[in-house]
């Protein structure tokens, strides 16, 4: 990946390092989306992110719509590359070969939260809001929704990407297809806010 997206990605990784969103094992800053997802899961599991300080935004308008503390509680598990399992062939075709970048699975009660981390990479599958990558993730969440108080898709990216018109349209279109927006919560969250919400550990 080159061009403007590459420069935005580089600035985001530099910001992570400057704000000490670092690998505690090596002290290295994150060099990739995958590394960012791993650190998110680790710091979340350790209780080092104050989710109440992380705003969620509506993708259509970027208006604030609360904070992640509404969905994420102190108990629960964070898993990277969580497989989206299926009951039948239809579900397998829709989401069976996918994995969540990070999945927050609540304890005895609470919201299931799937994080889709995008920092310069393209979406998989076609752009059709009925069958795009985000659409498939929303269909999965709709299927498992009955087991939880709520199911939420969080598109996690850098603010500069959204300002450059990346990602927000795809999320808004996927949410607004059919009746998905009434069944599943879907929001934008910015990495810059996550970095700021990390407590010293």
Protein backbone atom coordinates (compact mmCIF):
# COMPACT_ATOMS: atom_id res chain seq x y z
CA UNK A 1 0.00 0.00 0.00
CA UNK A 2 1.39 3.38 -0.95
CA UNK A 3 0.24 6.96 -1.34
CA UNK A 4 -1.81 8.96 1.16
CA UNK A 5 -3.13 5.90 3.01
CA UNK A 6 0.41 4.71 3.72
CA UNK A 7 1.35 8.11 5.17
CA UNK A 8 -1.78 8.19 7.36
CA UNK A 9 -1.03 4.66 8.59
CA UNK A 10 2.57 5.61 9.42
CA UNK A 11 1.41 8.66 11.40
CA UNK A 12 -1.06 6.52 13.36
CA UNK A 13 1.64 4.02 14.33
CA UNK A 14 3.93 6.90 15.36
CA UNK A 15 1.12 8.30 17.51
CA UNK A 16 0.63 4.91 19.16
CA UNK A 17 4.32 4.85 20.08
CA UNK A 18 4.32 8.43 21.36
CA UNK A 19 1.27 7.69 23.54
CA UNK A 20 2.89 4.48 24.86
CA UNK A 21 0.44 2.09 23.26
CA UNK A 22 3.29 -0.41 23.11
CA UNK A 23 3.94 -4.12 23.28
CA UNK A 24 4.73 -4.71 26.98
CA UNK A 25 6.90 -7.73 26.15
CA UNK A 26 9.34 -6.00 23.78
CA UNK A 27 8.58 -2.30 24.24
CA UNK A 28 8.02 -2.04 20.48
CA UNK A 29 5.34 0.09 18.91
CA UNK A 30 2.73 -1.56 16.68
CA UNK A 31 3.86 -1.98 13.04
CA UNK A 32 0.60 -3.38 11.64
CA UNK A 33 -3.16 -3.70 11.98
CA UNK A 34 -2.68 -7.15 13.46
CA UNK A 35 -0.33 -5.82 16.13
CA UNK A 36 -2.80 -3.05 17.03
CA UNK A 37 -5.58 -5.62 17.40
CA UNK A 38 -3.41 -7.81 19.63
CA UNK A 39 -2.53 -4.88 21.89
CA UNK A 40 -6.19 -3.84 22.08
CA UNK A 41 -7.15 -7.32 23.26
CA UNK A 42 -4.28 -7.50 25.75
CA UNK A 43 -4.87 -4.09 27.31
CA UNK A 44 -8.61 -4.69 27.36
CA UNK A 45 -8.13 -8.02 29.14
CA UNK A 46 -5.83 -6.36 31.69
CA UNK A 47 -8.44 -3.67 32.40
CA UNK A 48 -6.08 -0.93 31.22
CA UNK A 49 -8.48 0.82 28.84
CA UNK A 50 -11.12 3.09 30.31
CA UNK A 51 -13.86 2.38 27.78
CA UNK A 52 -15.99 5.19 29.21
CA UNK A 53 -13.44 7.59 27.70
CA UNK A 54 -13.80 6.12 24.20
CA UNK A 55 -16.63 7.79 22.23
CA UNK A 56 -18.64 5.91 19.63
CA UNK A 57 -19.83 7.83 16.56
CA UNK A 58 -22.63 7.32 14.07
CA UNK A 59 -21.06 6.64 10.67
CA UNK A 60 -23.52 8.76 8.68
CA UNK A 61 -22.92 12.00 10.60
CA UNK A 62 -19.96 11.32 12.93
CA UNK A 63 -22.19 12.58 15.74
CA UNK A 64 -21.30 11.12 19.16
CA UNK A 65 -23.59 8.33 20.33
CA UNK A 66 -22.26 7.53 23.79
CA UNK A 67 -19.12 5.61 24.68
CA UNK A 68 -17.81 2.05 24.63
CA UNK A 69 -18.28 1.77 28.38
CA UNK A 70 -21.98 1.34 27.61
CA UNK A 71 -21.20 -2.02 25.99
CA UNK A 72 -17.97 -3.23 27.60
CA UNK A 73 -17.84 -4.09 31.28
CA UNK A 74 -15.00 -5.08 33.57
CA UNK A 75 -15.73 -8.78 33.20
CA UNK A 76 -15.49 -10.62 29.93
CA UNK A 77 -12.89 -11.93 27.51
CA UNK A 78 -11.08 -10.42 24.54
CA UNK A 79 -10.03 -12.75 21.71
CA UNK A 80 -8.13 -11.87 18.54
CA UNK A 81 -8.93 -13.59 15.23
CA UNK A 82 -12.11 -15.05 16.73
CA UNK A 83 -13.66 -17.52 14.24
CA UNK A 84 -17.23 -16.83 13.13
CA UNK A 85 -18.71 -20.32 13.33
CA UNK A 86 -21.85 -21.37 11.49
CA UNK A 87 -24.81 -23.75 11.83
CA UNK A 88 -25.47 -24.56 8.19
CA UNK A 89 -24.22 -24.16 4.61
CA UNK A 90 -26.00 -20.85 4.10
CA UNK A 91 -24.28 -19.32 7.11
CA UNK A 92 -20.98 -20.85 6.06
CA UNK A 93 -21.24 -19.12 2.68
CA UNK A 94 -22.10 -15.81 4.35
CA UNK A 95 -19.52 -15.62 7.14
CA UNK A 96 -18.00 -19.06 7.70
CA UNK A 97 -14.50 -18.19 6.44
CA UNK A 98 -14.22 -14.97 8.43
CA UNK A 99 -12.72 -14.07 11.79
CA UNK A 100 -13.25 -11.03 14.00
CA UNK A 101 -10.15 -8.87 14.48
CA UNK A 102 -11.09 -8.66 18.17
CA UNK A 103 -14.17 -10.04 19.88
CA UNK A 104 -15.25 -8.95 23.35
CA UNK A 105 -17.35 -11.72 24.87
CA UNK A 106 -19.17 -10.67 28.05
CA UNK A 107 -19.35 -12.72 31.21
CA UNK A 108 -22.75 -13.71 32.55
CA UNK A 109 -24.49 -10.73 30.92
CA UNK A 110 -23.73 -7.80 28.67
CA UNK A 111 -23.08 -6.94 25.03
CA UNK A 112 -21.14 -8.92 22.45
CA UNK A 113 -18.75 -6.49 20.72
CA UNK A 114 -16.97 -7.26 17.46
CA UNK A 115 -14.09 -4.94 16.50
CA UNK A 116 -13.22 -4.58 12.82
CA UNK A 117 -9.82 -2.84 12.72
CA UNK A 118 -9.10 -0.90 9.53
CA UNK A 119 -6.01 1.27 9.13
CA UNK A 120 -5.50 1.61 5.40
CA UNK A 121 -6.50 -1.86 4.23
CA UNK A 122 -9.39 -2.61 1.91
CA UNK A 123 -12.50 -4.58 2.78
CA UNK A 124 -12.85 -8.18 1.64
CA UNK A 125 -15.68 -9.28 -0.64
CA UNK A 126 -17.69 -7.05 -2.95
CA UNK A 127 -18.95 -3.55 -2.14
CA UNK A 128 -22.63 -4.57 -2.23
CA UNK A 129 -24.15 -3.52 1.14
CA UNK A 130 -26.11 -6.79 1.16
CA UNK A 131 -23.03 -9.02 1.00
CA UNK A 132 -19.97 -6.87 1.79
CA UNK A 133 -17.55 -7.82 4.54
CA UNK A 134 -19.37 -5.58 7.00
CA UNK A 135 -22.73 -6.98 5.88
CA UNK A 136 -21.52 -10.50 6.59
CA UNK A 137 -20.30 -9.50 10.03
CA UNK A 138 -23.62 -7.81 10.78
CA UNK A 139 -25.50 -10.92 9.65
CA UNK A 140 -23.41 -13.01 12.06
CA UNK A 141 -24.14 -10.60 14.91
CA UNK A 142 -27.82 -10.64 14.06
CA UNK A 143 -27.82 -14.44 14.27
CA UNK A 144 -26.12 -14.58 17.69
CA UNK A 145 -27.92 -11.49 19.05
CA UNK A 146 -30.51 -13.48 21.01
CA UNK A 147 -27.82 -14.84 23.33
CA UNK A 148 -26.78 -11.37 24.52
CA UNK A 149 -28.26 -8.12 25.77
CA UNK A 150 -26.97 -6.49 22.60
CA UNK A 151 -24.59 -7.20 19.71
CA UNK A 152 -22.44 -4.36 18.39
CA UNK A 153 -20.05 -3.92 15.46
CA UNK A 154 -17.28 -1.39 16.04
CA UNK A 155 -15.30 -0.18 13.04
CA UNK A 156 -12.02 0.94 14.59
CA UNK A 157 -9.83 3.23 12.49
CA UNK A 158 -7.75 6.38 12.55
CA UNK A 159 -9.52 9.73 12.42
CA UNK A 160 -7.52 10.79 9.36
CA UNK A 161 -8.85 7.85 7.37
CA UNK A 162 -12.43 8.91 8.03
CA UNK A 163 -11.59 12.54 7.22
CA UNK A 164 -10.23 11.23 3.89
CA UNK A 165 -13.61 9.48 3.35
CA UNK A 166 -12.47 5.94 4.07
CA UNK A 167 -14.71 3.35 5.74
CA UNK A 168 -17.62 5.42 7.08
CA UNK A 169 -19.77 5.12 3.93
CA UNK A 170 -19.32 1.34 3.79
CA UNK A 171 -20.40 0.98 7.42
CA UNK A 172 -23.40 3.29 7.01
CA UNK A 173 -24.58 1.46 3.87
CA UNK A 174 -24.22 -1.98 5.46
CA UNK A 175 -26.12 -0.86 8.56
CA UNK A 176 -28.91 0.77 6.60
CA UNK A 177 -29.51 -2.21 4.31
CA UNK A 178 -32.86 -3.78 5.21
CA UNK A 179 -33.55 -3.56 8.94
CA UNK A 180 -30.04 -4.17 10.24
CA UNK A 181 -29.73 -0.82 12.00
CA UNK A 182 -32.69 -1.66 14.22
CA UNK A 183 -31.25 -5.05 15.17
CA UNK A 184 -27.53 -4.45 15.54
CA UNK A 185 -25.56 -1.46 16.78
CA UNK A 186 -22.79 -0.26 14.47
CA UNK A 187 -20.43 2.58 15.26
CA UNK A 188 -17.13 4.19 14.33
CA UNK A 189 -14.42 4.43 16.98
CA UNK A 190 -11.11 6.20 16.54
CA UNK A 191 -7.77 4.72 17.56
CA UNK A 192 -6.67 8.13 18.83
CA UNK A 193 -9.37 7.96 21.52
CA UNK A 194 -8.36 4.41 22.47
CA UNK A 195 -4.73 5.50 22.87
CA UNK A 196 -5.81 8.34 25.16
CA UNK A 197 -8.03 6.03 27.23
CA UNK A 198 -5.23 3.59 28.05
CA UNK A 199 -4.24 3.70 31.70
CA UNK A 200 -0.66 3.28 32.84
CA UNK A 201 0.03 -0.37 33.60
